[in-house]
Every structure is written in C-alpha cells, then in structure tokens.
C-alpha cells in the first residue's frame, strides 16, 4: 500500500469527524483512533460516508490484538475452562481522577466525548465481546465522586468536572453468564493490585493481571512503567517518565500461561493486518458503530435508570 493512499488520524475526539471527512473526501483509506465519533450518531454518519465513497477503513480498537487476549480466545474456543459462568473486571481510567495533565484537561468535560465510558470502557468492551459474546441486557451506573481536578503543570484547579469518575456495568450475556465491569477514575492507589479480569468457567478460571491502569488497548511488552512511583500515583495519565500498561499476564486456574513475544505491539499488529488486507486482524468502521451501540446503551441505562439492550 502506498503511503499516499491512506490517512491515519489520532486527533482529539471532538475533531474526529472533521479529520475523517477530510480524508474521505480526499479518497484515502482511513485509520481513525477509537472512538470513531463523538457519540453514536457521528459514528453512523462517518461509517456511511466512508462506505458511500468506497473508502477502506480501520478503527483503533487495539485490545483484540493484545497477546494475552489472543491466547485467552484460543483457550475459550478450545473449551479449556468449560462453560463460562461469570466474568468480573476492575480497572482504572488513569485520567478522570484528582489530577490531570494540561493537554488532557478537555477530558473533564463530558460533552467532548472522551470519558471513562467512551475510552477505557469502550476499548475493553470490544475485547470483552470478542471473548465472551454480547450482553443480552445490561444495567449501568456512573457518577462523579471527585468534583474537581488539579492541572499538574500549573496546579490550577478545574472546578467544572462533568465527566464521571466511577462507572459500573453489569448484566447477563447471551450465553447465560453474568458479567460485571467496574472502572474507577485515576490511578490504582498504593496496595491495589491494579486491573484484574477473571473469567470463571465450569472447569477452570482465566485471569488477566496487569500493572498500570485498565487501558488494555495501549499495553506494551517493551515500555517500562515509571520509575518514580510517587509521581505515578499523583499523575492520572503520564508522569515525566513513560507510563503504559504492561501487557497483561495471563493465568489459567492459577498457573501463568506463557505468551509469545513480538516487537509490534497491539497497534503495530493492526497496521500489519491492514497493510496485508487481512480483515481477520483489524476492524472497520461498521464494527466501530456496533461498539458505539454498546456504549450508547450504557449511557441510556445510566440516564434512564433501567436495564436496556443494544441488540
């Protein structure tokens, strides 16, 4: 694929629509980071525009390419733990806590579309559905427990924080299994074991454990966590040293599972699949719309205070 025939966009969510339409009108294939649009309607519009212009697309939902996720998929497909009975996940947003980097202060305004629900949960739920299938129905709650946030660089306090910092989603899957997801704003506190995901089966337990937050899509096998632990706990996203979620460790009934190693990382595997036209290795914007429908259902459940569905 010649570089001039495609466009990669990783701008902030409020600019996704404008950036994507510019590339579409230039008749270029487009890779856009998740979320596709600021809400379900924008996502539908962008997917329709791309399809109407014959544009090849890719969405940045990288969690499915994580090596631990791929191995777990293999274990589940082989019925290694038998019928899945339940799933429980606790993760952290990194952002949306008591402190924020200046360049990410816009995420504190829910209207900008970059929230605990749309970003970390949106990425996670794509991997969740990949492994366990869809929810038959779900109910959700979100709230803003920490009403203010401090800008790290300037020590300025942001008093208008509308984005939630606590999110819970629970429900029953089409398979009959029960599932619960809890995302907390900010970083894990001292003593926390970090993000943990357990998938309980009749014959065993699959467990994901990782350092850092709950952004499994951004995991890396090559980037080390920040060496300054104090700074790590203060900063909600990045300290002065690089901080990324290290690729999760995978356990089968308590025994660690060996995972393959490569230098591509999750996003690199997406690019490789896209370049090779291997549609099994990446997802397009139609898929992104379906993921937006899940996020939208969670939003509706939070607002209406009732169980809902997206199918």
C-alpha atoms as a PDB file:
ATOM      1  CA  UNK A   1       0.000   0.000   0.000  1.00  0.00           C
ATOM      2  CA  UNK A   2       1.478   3.370  -0.991  1.00  0.00           C
ATOM      3  CA  UNK A   3       1.629   5.825   1.911  1.00  0.00           C
ATOM      4  CA  UNK A   4      -0.146   8.480  -0.161  1.00  0.00           C
ATOM      5  CA  UNK A   5      -3.273   6.319  -0.454  1.00  0.00           C
ATOM      6  CA  UNK A   6      -4.199   6.303   3.223  1.00  0.00           C
ATOM      7  CA  UNK A   7      -4.516   8.589   6.207  1.00  0.00           C
ATOM      8  CA  UNK A   8      -4.014   7.905   9.918  1.00  0.00           C
ATOM      9  CA  UNK A   9      -5.772  10.195  12.386  1.00  0.00           C
ATOM     10  CA  UNK A  10      -5.259  10.333  16.160  1.00  0.00           C
ATOM     11  CA  UNK A  11      -6.676  13.776  16.920  1.00  0.00           C
ATOM     12  CA  UNK A  12      -8.832  14.523  19.949  1.00  0.00           C
ATOM     13  CA  UNK A  13     -12.356  13.127  19.858  1.00  0.00           C
ATOM     14  CA  UNK A  14     -14.112  16.480  19.150  1.00  0.00           C
ATOM     15  CA  UNK A  15     -12.074  16.704  15.911  1.00  0.00           C
ATOM     16  CA  UNK A  16     -12.602  13.131  14.711  1.00  0.00           C
ATOM     17  CA  UNK A  17     -15.498  13.907  12.379  1.00  0.00           C
ATOM     18  CA  UNK A  18     -13.779  16.848  10.688  1.00  0.00           C
ATOM     19  CA  UNK A  19     -10.490  14.964  10.290  1.00  0.00           C
ATOM     20  CA  UNK A  20     -12.149  11.810   8.958  1.00  0.00           C
ATOM     21  CA  UNK A  21     -14.349  13.605   6.430  1.00  0.00           C
ATOM     22  CA  UNK A  22     -11.315  15.470   5.087  1.00  0.00           C
ATOM     23  CA  UNK A  23      -9.564  12.148   4.413  1.00  0.00           C
ATOM     24  CA  UNK A  24     -12.695  10.596   2.922  1.00  0.00           C
ATOM     25  CA  UNK A  25     -13.174  13.498   0.513  1.00  0.00           C
ATOM     26  CA  UNK A  26      -9.514  13.087  -0.474  1.00  0.00           C
ATOM     27  CA  UNK A  27     -10.367   9.457  -1.368  1.00  0.00           C
ATOM     28  CA  UNK A  28      -7.877   7.994   1.077  1.00  0.00           C
ATOM     29  CA  UNK A  29      -8.226   4.870   3.197  1.00  0.00           C
ATOM     30  CA  UNK A  30      -8.525   5.961   6.814  1.00  0.00           C
ATOM     31  CA  UNK A  31      -7.322   4.672  10.179  1.00  0.00           C
ATOM     32  CA  UNK A  32      -9.084   6.563  12.964  1.00  0.00           C
ATOM     33  CA  UNK A  33      -8.417   6.028  16.647  1.00  0.00           C
ATOM     34  CA  UNK A  34     -11.365   4.976  18.831  1.00  0.00           C
ATOM     35  CA  UNK A  35     -13.916   6.398  19.443  1.00  0.00           C
ATOM     36  CA  UNK A  36     -14.989   6.785  15.838  1.00  0.00           C
ATOM     37  CA  UNK A  37     -17.135   9.832  16.567  1.00  0.00           C
ATOM     38  CA  UNK A  38     -18.361  11.944  19.437  1.00  0.00           C
ATOM     39  CA  UNK A  39     -21.363   9.734  20.062  1.00  0.00           C
ATOM     40  CA  UNK A  40     -23.274   7.081  18.152  1.00  0.00           C
ATOM     41  CA  UNK A  41     -24.830   9.419  15.574  1.00  0.00           C
ATOM     42  CA  UNK A  42     -21.480  10.813  14.432  1.00  0.00           C
ATOM     43  CA  UNK A  43     -20.126   7.278  14.162  1.00  0.00           C
ATOM     44  CA  UNK A  44     -23.041   6.238  11.947  1.00  0.00           C
ATOM     45  CA  UNK A  45     -22.552   9.312   9.748  1.00  0.00           C
ATOM     46  CA  UNK A  46     -18.837   8.640   9.294  1.00  0.00           C
ATOM     47  CA  UNK A  47     -19.303   4.952   8.524  1.00  0.00           C
ATOM     48  CA  UNK A  48     -21.998   5.834   5.980  1.00  0.00           C
ATOM     49  CA  UNK A  49     -19.798   8.491   4.347  1.00  0.00           C
ATOM     50  CA  UNK A  50     -16.866   6.098   4.042  1.00  0.00           C
ATOM     51  CA  UNK A  51     -18.967   3.301   2.583  1.00  0.00           C
ATOM     52  CA  UNK A  52     -20.697   5.683   0.166  1.00  0.00           C
ATOM     53  CA  UNK A  53     -17.316   6.800  -1.173  1.00  0.00           C
ATOM     54  CA  UNK A  54     -15.854   3.299  -1.357  1.00  0.00           C
ATOM     55  CA  UNK A  55     -13.259   4.095   1.324  1.00  0.00           C
ATOM     56  CA  UNK A  56     -11.414   1.339   3.146  1.00  0.00           C
ATOM     57  CA  UNK A  57     -11.407   1.988   6.894  1.00  0.00           C
ATOM     58  CA  UNK A  58      -9.861   0.775  10.135  1.00  0.00           C
ATOM     59  CA  UNK A  59     -10.764   1.679  13.701  1.00  0.00           C
ATOM     60  CA  UNK A  60      -8.215   1.823  16.507  1.00  0.00           C
ATOM     61  CA  UNK A  61      -9.710  -0.848  18.761  1.00  0.00           C
ATOM     62  CA  UNK A  62      -6.392  -2.494  19.542  1.00  0.00           C
ATOM     63  CA  UNK A  63      -7.304  -4.610  22.575  1.00  0.00           C
ATOM     64  CA  UNK A  64      -8.271  -7.587  20.397  1.00  0.00           C
ATOM     65  CA  UNK A  65      -4.667  -7.679  19.203  1.00  0.00           C
ATOM     66  CA  UNK A  66      -3.187  -7.995  22.689  1.00  0.00           C
ATOM     67  CA  UNK A  67      -1.243 -11.237  23.021  1.00  0.00           C
ATOM     68  CA  UNK A  68      -2.974 -12.160  26.276  1.00  0.00           C
ATOM     69  CA  UNK A  69      -6.396 -11.592  24.706  1.00  0.00           C
ATOM     70  CA  UNK A  70      -5.495 -13.689  21.670  1.00  0.00           C
ATOM     71  CA  UNK A  71      -4.308 -16.545  23.887  1.00  0.00           C
ATOM     72  CA  UNK A  72      -7.422 -16.357  26.053  1.00  0.00           C
ATOM     73  CA  UNK A  73      -9.551 -16.513  22.907  1.00  0.00           C
ATOM     74  CA  UNK A  74      -7.764 -19.711  21.957  1.00  0.00           C
ATOM     75  CA  UNK A  75      -8.332 -21.211  25.414  1.00  0.00           C
ATOM     76  CA  UNK A  76     -12.024 -20.313  25.350  1.00  0.00           C
ATOM     77  CA  UNK A  77     -12.518 -21.650  21.813  1.00  0.00           C
ATOM     78  CA  UNK A  78     -10.939 -24.917  22.938  1.00  0.00           C
ATOM     79  CA  UNK A  79     -13.353 -25.037  25.911  1.00  0.00           C
ATOM     80  CA  UNK A  80     -10.391 -25.303  28.264  1.00  0.00           C
ATOM     81  CA  UNK A  81     -12.394 -23.950  31.218  1.00  0.00           C
ATOM     82  CA  UNK A  82     -15.707 -25.392  30.075  1.00  0.00           C
ATOM     83  CA  UNK A  83     -18.884 -23.355  30.021  1.00  0.00           C
ATOM     84  CA  UNK A  84     -18.331 -19.733  31.097  1.00  0.00           C
ATOM     85  CA  UNK A  85     -20.314 -18.938  34.237  1.00  0.00           C
ATOM     86  CA  UNK A  86     -19.316 -15.368  35.044  1.00  0.00           C
ATOM     87  CA  UNK A  87     -16.889 -12.531  34.354  1.00  0.00           C
ATOM     88  CA  UNK A  88     -15.659  -9.803  36.705  1.00  0.00           C
ATOM     89  CA  UNK A  89     -13.383  -6.867  35.824  1.00  0.00           C
ATOM     90  CA  UNK A  90     -11.975  -3.959  37.831  1.00  0.00           C
ATOM     91  CA  UNK A  91      -9.872  -1.348  36.038  1.00  0.00           C
ATOM     92  CA  UNK A  92      -8.695   2.246  36.255  1.00  0.00           C
ATOM     93  CA  UNK A  93      -9.061   5.117  33.820  1.00  0.00           C
ATOM     94  CA  UNK A  94      -5.769   6.844  34.546  1.00  0.00           C
ATOM     95  CA  UNK A  95      -7.496  10.125  33.750  1.00  0.00           C
ATOM     96  CA  UNK A  96     -10.675  11.461  35.393  1.00  0.00           C
ATOM     97  CA  UNK A  97      -9.136  11.348  38.858  1.00  0.00           C
ATOM     98  CA  UNK A  98      -7.948  14.112  41.206  1.00  0.00           C
ATOM     99  CA  UNK A  99      -5.216  15.321  38.818  1.00  0.00           C
ATOM    100  CA  UNK A 100      -4.911  15.792  35.071  1.00  0.00           C
ATOM    101  CA  UNK A 101      -2.283  16.783  32.541  1.00  0.00           C
ATOM    102  CA  UNK A 102      -2.929  20.135  30.890  1.00  0.00           C
ATOM    103  CA  UNK A 103      -3.212  18.615  27.420  1.00  0.00           C
ATOM    104  CA  UNK A 104      -5.912  16.262  28.707  1.00  0.00           C
ATOM    105  CA  UNK A 105      -7.965  18.761  30.700  1.00  0.00           C
ATOM    106  CA  UNK A 106     -10.585  18.699  27.936  1.00  0.00           C
ATOM    107  CA  UNK A 107     -11.487  15.135  29.008  1.00  0.00           C
ATOM    108  CA  UNK A 108     -13.050  16.509  32.194  1.00  0.00           C
ATOM    109  CA  UNK A 109     -15.938  17.931  30.131  1.00  0.00           C
ATOM    110  CA  UNK A 110     -18.270  15.045  29.258  1.00  0.00           C
ATOM    111  CA  UNK A 111     -19.530  16.864  26.146  1.00  0.00           C
ATOM    112  CA  UNK A 112     -16.112  16.406  24.477  1.00  0.00           C
ATOM    113  CA  UNK A 113     -16.736  12.675  24.235  1.00  0.00           C
ATOM    114  CA  UNK A 114     -13.512  11.447  25.846  1.00  0.00           C
ATOM    115  CA  UNK A 115     -14.686   9.856  29.087  1.00  0.00           C
ATOM    116  CA  UNK A 116     -14.233   6.845  31.316  1.00  0.00           C
ATOM    117  CA  UNK A 117     -17.140   5.286  29.427  1.00  0.00           C
ATOM    118  CA  UNK A 118     -16.108   6.047  25.857  1.00  0.00           C
ATOM    119  CA  UNK A 119     -12.348   5.401  26.081  1.00  0.00           C
ATOM    120  CA  UNK A 120     -11.155   2.740  28.568  1.00  0.00           C
ATOM    121  CA  UNK A 121     -14.536   1.030  28.818  1.00  0.00           C
ATOM    122  CA  UNK A 122     -15.109   1.367  25.058  1.00  0.00           C
ATOM    123  CA  UNK A 123     -11.801  -0.342  24.330  1.00  0.00           C
ATOM    124  CA  UNK A 124     -12.282  -3.001  26.989  1.00  0.00           C
ATOM    125  CA  UNK A 125     -15.821  -3.935  25.986  1.00  0.00           C
ATOM    126  CA  UNK A 126     -14.674  -4.649  22.427  1.00  0.00           C
ATOM    127  CA  UNK A 127     -12.204  -7.238  23.743  1.00  0.00           C
ATOM    128  CA  UNK A 128     -14.856  -8.484  26.170  1.00  0.00           C
ATOM    129  CA  UNK A 129     -17.363  -9.169  23.397  1.00  0.00           C
ATOM    130  CA  UNK A 130     -14.605 -10.762  21.309  1.00  0.00           C
ATOM    131  CA  UNK A 131     -14.002 -13.293  24.082  1.00  0.00           C
ATOM    132  CA  UNK A 132     -17.407 -13.766  25.703  1.00  0.00           C
ATOM    133  CA  UNK A 133     -20.055 -12.512  23.287  1.00  0.00           C
ATOM    134  CA  UNK A 134     -22.728  -9.849  23.643  1.00  0.00           C
ATOM    135  CA  UNK A 135     -24.869  -8.804  26.564  1.00  0.00           C
ATOM    136  CA  UNK A 136     -28.488  -9.889  26.302  1.00  0.00           C
ATOM    137  CA  UNK A 137     -29.266  -6.939  28.561  1.00  0.00           C
ATOM    138  CA  UNK A 138     -27.323  -4.633  30.844  1.00  0.00           C
ATOM    139  CA  UNK A 139     -27.730  -2.006  33.515  1.00  0.00           C
ATOM    140  CA  UNK A 140     -25.214   0.698  34.331  1.00  0.00           C
ATOM    141  CA  UNK A 141     -24.407   3.460  36.767  1.00  0.00           C
ATOM    142  CA  UNK A 142     -21.981   6.346  36.543  1.00  0.00           C
ATOM    143  CA  UNK A 143     -21.199   9.189  38.890  1.00  0.00           C
ATOM    144  CA  UNK A 144     -18.716  11.965  39.567  1.00  0.00           C
ATOM    145  CA  UNK A 145     -17.421  11.409  43.090  1.00  0.00           C
ATOM    146  CA  UNK A 146     -14.429  13.759  42.753  1.00  0.00           C
ATOM    147  CA  UNK A 147     -15.949  17.115  41.675  1.00  0.00           C
ATOM    148  CA  UNK A 148     -12.664  18.904  40.935  1.00  0.00           C
ATOM    149  CA  UNK A 149      -9.314  18.093  39.366  1.00  0.00           C
ATOM    150  CA  UNK A 150      -5.899  19.755  39.548  1.00  0.00           C
ATOM    151  CA  UNK A 151      -3.864  20.505  36.407  1.00  0.00           C
ATOM    152  CA  UNK A 152      -0.455  19.011  37.117  1.00  0.00           C
ATOM    153  CA  UNK A 153       1.695  21.526  35.239  1.00  0.00           C
ATOM    154  CA  UNK A 154       0.047  24.692  36.603  1.00  0.00           C
ATOM    155  CA  UNK A 155      -1.541  23.497  39.867  1.00  0.00           C
ATOM    156  CA  UNK A 156      -4.746  25.135  38.613  1.00  0.00           C
ATOM    157  CA  UNK A 157      -7.955  23.627  39.919  1.00  0.00           C
ATOM    158  CA  UNK A 158     -10.682  22.700  37.440  1.00  0.00           C
ATOM    159  CA  UNK A 159     -13.958  23.251  39.268  1.00  0.00           C
ATOM    160  CA  UNK A 160     -16.290  22.149  36.465  1.00  0.00           C
ATOM    161  CA  UNK A 161     -15.751  18.401  36.099  1.00  0.00           C
ATOM    162  CA  UNK A 162     -18.740  16.804  34.410  1.00  0.00           C
ATOM    163  CA  UNK A 163     -17.110  13.575  33.221  1.00  0.00           C
ATOM    164  CA  UNK A 164     -17.800  10.612  35.541  1.00  0.00           C
ATOM    165  CA  UNK A 165     -15.026   9.059  37.604  1.00  0.00           C
ATOM    166  CA  UNK A 166     -16.900   5.888  38.579  1.00  0.00           C
ATOM    167  CA  UNK A 167     -18.652   3.522  36.162  1.00  0.00           C
ATOM    168  CA  UNK A 168     -20.251   0.127  36.717  1.00  0.00           C
ATOM    169  CA  UNK A 169     -21.863  -2.066  34.076  1.00  0.00           C
ATOM    170  CA  UNK A 170     -23.459  -5.415  34.786  1.00  0.00           C
ATOM    171  CA  UNK A 171     -25.800  -7.801  33.057  1.00  0.00           C
ATOM    172  CA  UNK A 172     -26.415 -11.201  31.539  1.00  0.00           C
ATOM    173  CA  UNK A 173     -24.727 -12.394  28.366  1.00  0.00           C
ATOM    174  CA  UNK A 174     -26.439 -14.214  25.530  1.00  0.00           C
ATOM    175  CA  UNK A 175     -24.603 -17.305  26.759  1.00  0.00           C
ATOM    176  CA  UNK A 176     -26.347 -17.027  30.116  1.00  0.00           C
ATOM    177  CA  UNK A 177     -23.234 -15.999  32.034  1.00  0.00           C
ATOM    178  CA  UNK A 178     -23.333 -12.982  34.343  1.00  0.00           C
ATOM    179  CA  UNK A 179     -20.796 -10.172  33.999  1.00  0.00           C
ATOM    180  CA  UNK A 180     -19.737  -7.096  35.950  1.00  0.00           C
ATOM    181  CA  UNK A 181     -17.354  -4.299  34.905  1.00  0.00           C
ATOM    182  CA  UNK A 182     -16.148  -1.521  37.214  1.00  0.00           C
ATOM    183  CA  UNK A 183     -13.955   1.369  36.052  1.00  0.00           C
ATOM    184  CA  UNK A 184     -12.515   3.845  38.538  1.00  0.00           C
ATOM    185  CA  UNK A 185     -11.088   7.237  37.608  1.00  0.00           C
ATOM    186  CA  UNK A 186      -7.433   7.963  38.325  1.00  0.00           C
ATOM    187  CA  UNK A 187      -4.623   5.518  39.044  1.00  0.00           C
ATOM    188  CA  UNK A 188      -4.534   2.485  41.350  1.00  0.00           C
ATOM    189  CA  UNK A 189      -3.826   3.517  44.935  1.00  0.00           C
ATOM    190  CA  UNK A 190      -0.984   2.030  46.986  1.00  0.00           C
ATOM    191  CA  UNK A 191      -1.888  -1.526  47.937  1.00  0.00           C
ATOM    192  CA  UNK A 192      -4.130  -2.050  44.915  1.00  0.00           C
ATOM    193  CA  UNK A 193      -3.300  -4.991  42.706  1.00  0.00           C
ATOM    194  CA  UNK A 194      -4.153  -2.974  39.588  1.00  0.00           C
ATOM    195  CA  UNK A 195      -6.576  -4.060  36.860  1.00  0.00           C
ATOM    196  CA  UNK A 196      -7.848  -7.632  37.207  1.00  0.00           C
ATOM    197  CA  UNK A 197     -10.184  -9.592  34.955  1.00  0.00           C
ATOM    198  CA  UNK A 198     -11.498 -13.016  35.921  1.00  0.00           C
ATOM    199  CA  UNK A 199     -13.454 -15.332  33.632  1.00  0.00           C
ATOM    200  CA  UNK A 200     -14.958 -18.191  35.620  1.00  0.00           C
ATOM    201  CA  UNK A 201     -15.736 -21.468  33.896  1.00  0.00           C
ATOM    202  CA  UNK A 202     -17.109 -24.820  34.977  1.00  0.00           C
ATOM    203  CA  UNK A 203     -13.641 -26.389  34.853  1.00  0.00           C
ATOM    204  CA  UNK A 204     -11.271 -23.503  35.499  1.00  0.00           C
ATOM    205  CA  UNK A 205     -10.539 -19.799  35.786  1.00  0.00           C
ATOM    206  CA  UNK A 206      -8.889 -17.428  33.295  1.00  0.00           C
ATOM    207  CA  UNK A 207      -7.319 -14.401  34.976  1.00  0.00           C
ATOM    208  CA  UNK A 208      -5.722 -11.285  33.498  1.00  0.00           C
ATOM    209  CA  UNK A 209      -3.441  -9.239  35.741  1.00  0.00           C
ATOM    210  CA  UNK A 210      -1.518  -6.108  34.796  1.00  0.00           C
ATOM    211  CA  UNK A 211       0.299  -3.132  36.210  1.00  0.00           C
ATOM    212  CA  UNK A 212      -0.847   0.392  35.405  1.00  0.00           C
ATOM    213  CA  UNK A 213      -4.458   1.230  34.615  1.00  0.00           C
ATOM    214  CA  UNK A 214      -7.150  -0.532  32.631  1.00  0.00           C
ATOM    215  CA  UNK A 215      -6.279   0.569  29.089  1.00  0.00           C
ATOM    216  CA  UNK A 216      -5.559  -2.855  27.694  1.00  0.00           C
ATOM    217  CA  UNK A 217      -5.537  -1.457  24.149  1.00  0.00           C
ATOM    218  CA  UNK A 218      -2.388   0.511  24.989  1.00  0.00           C
ATOM    219  CA  UNK A 219      -0.441  -2.348  26.542  1.00  0.00           C
ATOM    220  CA  UNK A 220       3.150  -2.838  25.516  1.00  0.00           C
ATOM    221  CA  UNK A 221       5.768  -5.520  26.017  1.00  0.00           C
ATOM    222  CA  UNK A 222       8.614  -3.055  25.505  1.00  0.00           C
ATOM    223  CA  UNK A 223       7.771   0.075  27.546  1.00  0.00           C
ATOM    224  CA  UNK A 224       8.572   0.005  31.242  1.00  0.00           C
ATOM    225  CA  UNK A 225       6.417   1.647  33.929  1.00  0.00           C
ATOM    226  CA  UNK A 226       7.500   4.909  35.511  1.00  0.00           C
ATOM    227  CA  UNK A 227      10.412   4.580  37.890  1.00  0.00           C
ATOM    228  CA  UNK A 228       9.131   7.428  40.078  1.00  0.00           C
ATOM    229  CA  UNK A 229       6.286   5.688  41.877  1.00  0.00           C
ATOM    230  CA  UNK A 230       5.232   8.825  43.772  1.00  0.00           C
ATOM    231  CA  UNK A 231       4.832  10.798  40.554  1.00  0.00           C
ATOM    232  CA  UNK A 232       2.938   7.883  39.067  1.00  0.00           C
ATOM    233  CA  UNK A 233       0.359   7.995  41.841  1.00  0.00           C
ATOM    234  CA  UNK A 234      -0.159  11.760  41.516  1.00  0.00           C
ATOM    235  CA  UNK A 235      -0.438  11.930  37.740  1.00  0.00           C
ATOM    236  CA  UNK A 236      -3.639  10.468  36.270  1.00  0.00           C
ATOM    237  CA  UNK A 237      -2.212   9.715  32.834  1.00  0.00           C
ATOM    238  CA  UNK A 238       1.523  10.174  32.464  1.00  0.00           C
ATOM    239  CA  UNK A 239       4.302  11.265  34.753  1.00  0.00           C
ATOM    240  CA  UNK A 240       7.547  12.760  33.497  1.00  0.00           C
ATOM    241  CA  UNK A 241       8.609   9.181  32.773  1.00  0.00           C
ATOM    242  CA  UNK A 242       6.796   6.908  30.287  1.00  0.00           C
ATOM    243  CA  UNK A 243       3.869   5.035  31.781  1.00  0.00           C
ATOM    244  CA  UNK A 244       1.898   2.469  29.869  1.00  0.00           C
ATOM    245  CA  UNK A 245       0.046  -0.652  30.823  1.00  0.00           C
ATOM    246  CA  UNK A 246       2.445  -3.540  30.524  1.00  0.00           C
ATOM    247  CA  UNK A 247       0.973  -6.398  28.507  1.00  0.00           C
ATOM    248  CA  UNK A 248      -1.284  -8.351  30.886  1.00  0.00           C
ATOM    249  CA  UNK A 249      -0.135 -11.590  32.409  1.00  0.00           C
ATOM    250  CA  UNK A 250      -2.498 -14.475  31.757  1.00  0.00           C
ATOM    251  CA  UNK A 251      -3.263 -17.209  34.264  1.00  0.00           C
ATOM    252  CA  UNK A 252      -5.176 -20.466  33.857  1.00  0.00           C
ATOM    253  CA  UNK A 253      -6.507 -21.731  37.177  1.00  0.00           C
ATOM    254  CA  UNK A 254      -3.647 -20.002  38.988  1.00  0.00           C
ATOM    255  CA  UNK A 255      -0.836 -21.108  36.679  1.00  0.00           C
ATOM    256  CA  UNK A 256       0.794 -18.444  34.497  1.00  0.00           C
ATOM    257  CA  UNK A 257       0.404 -19.030  30.769  1.00  0.00           C
ATOM    258  CA  UNK A 258       3.418 -18.418  28.528  1.00  0.00           C
ATOM    259  CA  UNK A 259       2.696 -15.815  25.854  1.00  0.00           C
ATOM    260  CA  UNK A 260       4.540 -15.226  22.573  1.00  0.00           C
ATOM    261  CA  UNK A 261       6.631 -12.079  22.298  1.00  0.00           C
ATOM    262  CA  UNK A 262       6.994  -9.654  19.408  1.00  0.00           C
ATOM    263  CA  UNK A 263       8.058  -6.064  18.841  1.00  0.00           C
ATOM    264  CA  UNK A 264       4.956  -4.867  17.012  1.00  0.00           C
ATOM    265  CA  UNK A 265       2.656  -4.148  19.940  1.00  0.00           C
ATOM    266  CA  UNK A 266      -1.121  -4.036  19.632  1.00  0.00           C
ATOM    267  CA  UNK A 267      -1.270  -1.072  17.228  1.00  0.00           C
ATOM    268  CA  UNK A 268       1.591  -2.463  15.148  1.00  0.00           C
ATOM    269  CA  UNK A 269      -0.340  -5.689  14.632  1.00  0.00           C
ATOM    270  CA  UNK A 270      -3.322  -3.642  13.440  1.00  0.00           C
ATOM    271  CA  UNK A 271      -1.191  -1.779  10.894  1.00  0.00           C
ATOM    272  CA  UNK A 272       0.349  -5.019   9.669  1.00  0.00           C
ATOM    273  CA  UNK A 273      -3.042  -6.649   9.156  1.00  0.00           C
ATOM    274  CA  UNK A 274      -4.385  -3.556   7.374  1.00  0.00           C
ATOM    275  CA  UNK A 275      -1.368  -3.415   5.060  1.00  0.00           C
ATOM    276  CA  UNK A 276      -1.835  -7.103   4.217  1.00  0.00           C
ATOM    277  CA  UNK A 277      -5.614  -6.668   3.756  1.00  0.00           C
ATOM    278  CA  UNK A 278      -6.083  -9.309   6.444  1.00  0.00           C
ATOM    279  CA  UNK A 279      -9.557  -8.460   7.685  1.00  0.00           C
ATOM    280  CA  UNK A 280      -9.304 -11.017  10.487  1.00  0.00           C
ATOM    281  CA  UNK A 281      -6.650  -8.828  12.106  1.00  0.00           C
ATOM    282  CA  UNK A 282      -8.427  -5.463  12.253  1.00  0.00           C
ATOM    283  CA  UNK A 283     -11.920  -3.951  12.375  1.00  0.00           C
ATOM    284  CA  UNK A 284     -13.568  -1.370  10.122  1.00  0.00           C
ATOM    285  CA  UNK A 285     -15.934   1.484  10.902  1.00  0.00           C
ATOM    286  CA  UNK A 286     -19.048  -0.673  10.657  1.00  0.00           C
ATOM    287  CA  UNK A 287     -17.642  -2.637  13.561  1.00  0.00           C
ATOM    288  CA  UNK A 288     -16.903   0.634  15.361  1.00  0.00           C
ATOM    289  CA  UNK A 289     -20.574   1.609  15.028  1.00  0.00           C
ATOM    290  CA  UNK A 290     -21.579  -1.628  16.754  1.00  0.00           C
ATOM    291  CA  UNK A 291     -19.176  -0.878  19.589  1.00  0.00           C
ATOM    292  CA  UNK A 292     -20.672   2.615  19.811  1.00  0.00           C
ATOM    293  CA  UNK A 293     -24.097   0.992  20.190  1.00  0.00           C
ATOM    294  CA  UNK A 294     -22.869  -0.789  23.338  1.00  0.00           C
ATOM    295  CA  UNK A 295     -21.501   2.464  24.757  1.00  0.00           C
ATOM    296  CA  UNK A 296     -24.757   4.216  23.862  1.00  0.00           C
ATOM    297  CA  UNK A 297     -26.779   1.509  25.636  1.00  0.00           C
ATOM    298  CA  UNK A 298     -24.682   2.003  28.762  1.00  0.00           C
ATOM    299  CA  UNK A 299     -25.267   5.757  28.524  1.00  0.00           C
ATOM    300  CA  UNK A 300     -29.020   5.238  28.177  1.00  0.00           C
ATOM    301  CA  UNK A 301     -29.128   2.878  31.135  1.00  0.00           C
ATOM    302  CA  UNK A 302     -27.283   5.427  33.274  1.00  0.00           C
ATOM    303  CA  UNK A 303     -29.670   8.215  32.301  1.00  0.00           C
ATOM    304  CA  UNK A 304     -32.902   6.227  32.460  1.00  0.00           C
ATOM    305  CA  UNK A 305     -32.065   4.080  35.483  1.00  0.00           C
ATOM    306  CA  UNK A 306     -33.220   0.864  33.860  1.00  0.00           C
ATOM    307  CA  UNK A 307     -31.966  -2.281  32.188  1.00  0.00           C
ATOM    308  CA  UNK A 308     -31.514  -1.954  28.429  1.00  0.00           C
ATOM    309  CA  UNK A 309     -30.129  -3.687  25.334  1.00  0.00           C
ATOM    310  CA  UNK A 310     -28.281  -2.726  22.158  1.00  0.00           C
ATOM    311  CA  UNK A 311     -29.152  -5.776  20.041  1.00  0.00           C
END
